Protein backbone atom coordinates (compact mmCIF):
# COMPACT_ATOMS: atom_id res chain seq x y z
CA MET A 1 6.31 11.97 5.98
CA ARG A 2 6.64 12.41 9.73
CA SER A 3 2.86 12.27 10.19
CA GLN A 4 2.67 9.13 8.02
CA ALA A 5 5.34 7.39 10.11
CA ALA A 6 3.62 8.47 13.31
CA ARG A 7 0.34 7.07 11.99
CA LEU A 8 2.05 3.75 11.28
CA LEU A 9 3.16 3.63 14.91
CA GLU A 10 -0.39 4.41 16.01
CA GLU A 11 -1.92 1.68 13.86
CA ALA A 12 0.74 -0.83 14.93
CA GLN A 13 -0.69 -0.66 18.46
CA ARG A 14 -3.91 -2.29 17.29
CA GLU A 15 -4.29 -5.94 18.22
CA ASN A 16 -4.99 -7.02 14.64
CA VAL A 17 -2.05 -5.15 13.05
CA THR A 18 1.53 -6.32 12.68
CA LEU A 19 4.00 -3.79 11.27
CA GLN A 20 7.05 -5.23 9.56
CA VAL A 21 9.49 -3.26 7.45
CA ILE A 22 11.69 -4.44 4.62
CA PRO A 23 14.95 -2.51 4.99
CA PHE A 24 15.94 -0.40 1.98
CA GLY A 25 19.30 -2.16 1.76
CA THR A 26 17.59 -5.51 1.12
CA GLY A 27 17.56 -4.83 -2.60
CA LEU A 28 15.16 -6.57 -4.95
CA HIS A 29 12.47 -8.69 -3.34
CA ALA A 30 9.07 -10.16 -4.19
CA GLY A 31 7.25 -7.01 -3.08
CA VAL A 32 8.73 -4.71 -5.70
CA VAL A 33 6.38 -5.97 -8.41
CA GLY A 34 3.31 -4.77 -6.52
CA ALA A 35 0.95 -5.44 -3.67
CA PHE A 36 -1.12 -8.59 -3.37
CA THR A 37 -3.52 -10.06 -0.85
CA LEU A 38 -3.68 -13.73 0.08
CA LEU A 39 -7.16 -14.70 1.18
CA GLU A 40 -7.67 -17.85 3.20
CA TYR A 41 -10.63 -20.15 3.58
CA ASP A 42 -10.59 -22.69 6.40
CA GLY A 43 -6.98 -21.69 7.16
CA GLU A 44 -5.69 -22.41 3.66
CA PRO A 45 -4.76 -19.82 1.01
CA SER A 46 -7.51 -20.03 -1.60
CA LEU A 47 -7.46 -16.74 -3.50
CA VAL A 48 -4.97 -14.05 -4.52
CA GLY A 49 -6.21 -10.53 -5.01
CA MET A 50 -4.47 -7.63 -6.73
CA GLU A 51 -5.70 -4.12 -7.39
CA GLN A 52 -4.32 -1.96 -10.12
CA LEU A 53 -5.29 1.34 -11.65
CA GLY A 54 -8.74 0.75 -13.09
CA ALA A 55 -8.89 -3.00 -12.50
CA SER A 56 -8.82 -5.78 -9.95
CA LEU A 57 -7.60 -9.31 -10.49
CA LEU A 58 -8.49 -12.43 -8.54
CA LEU A 59 -6.51 -15.63 -9.01
CA ASP A 60 -7.81 -18.96 -7.77
CA GLU A 61 -5.71 -21.55 -9.60
CA ASP A 62 -3.47 -23.64 -7.34
CA GLU A 63 -0.36 -22.79 -9.38
CA HIS A 64 -0.90 -19.06 -8.91
CA ILE A 65 -1.75 -19.40 -5.24
CA ARG A 66 1.46 -21.40 -4.62
CA MET A 67 3.48 -18.74 -6.44
CA TYR A 68 2.10 -15.99 -4.18
CA VAL A 69 2.45 -18.09 -1.03
CA ASP A 70 6.13 -18.53 -1.98
CA ALA A 71 6.41 -14.77 -2.59
CA TRP A 72 4.87 -14.06 0.84
CA GLN A 73 7.28 -16.46 2.51
CA SER A 74 10.25 -14.84 0.77
CA LEU A 75 9.02 -11.41 1.96
CA GLN A 76 8.72 -12.70 5.52
CA ALA A 77 12.31 -13.89 5.31
CA VAL A 78 13.67 -10.38 4.62
CA THR A 79 11.48 -8.27 6.91
CA LEU A 80 12.62 -6.91 10.22
CA SER A 81 10.91 -8.37 13.26
CA PRO A 82 7.85 -6.44 14.49
CA ALA A 83 9.89 -5.03 17.41
CA ASP A 84 12.77 -3.97 15.16
CA SER A 85 10.33 -2.49 12.65
CA LEU A 86 8.70 -0.37 15.36
CA GLU A 87 12.10 0.81 16.52
CA LEU A 88 13.09 1.77 12.97
CA VAL A 89 9.87 3.76 12.44
CA ARG A 90 10.22 5.44 15.87
CA ASP A 91 13.77 6.46 14.97
CA LEU A 92 12.51 7.83 11.66
CA VAL A 93 9.89 9.94 13.43
CA VAL A 94 12.57 11.39 15.72
CA GLN A 95 14.91 12.10 12.80
CA LEU A 96 12.15 13.83 10.86
CA ARG A 97 11.15 15.84 13.91
CA THR A 98 14.68 17.15 14.41
CA ALA A 99 15.15 17.81 10.69
CA SER A 100 12.22 20.23 10.47
């Protein structure tokens, strides 16, 4: 786990990557049902993608897109800031280093 957390810190240094963590104590949130990708065209969400074991699903109906935009916004509301997320992962790396 330490190497995974260290890799997250590495990747977070890339210009096109933003690392944000949802604290464990947050409880249930929109992300617990599974990962999804919002794809934009001309700056507007236009497609939702989901991958599951053995299948992929693409949704393009406005109703579904709105539902996932709302889910994304609710996730953004409970995440730590990028700076706080980096600090949390750095602390985790240190804790795991001293535990081994």
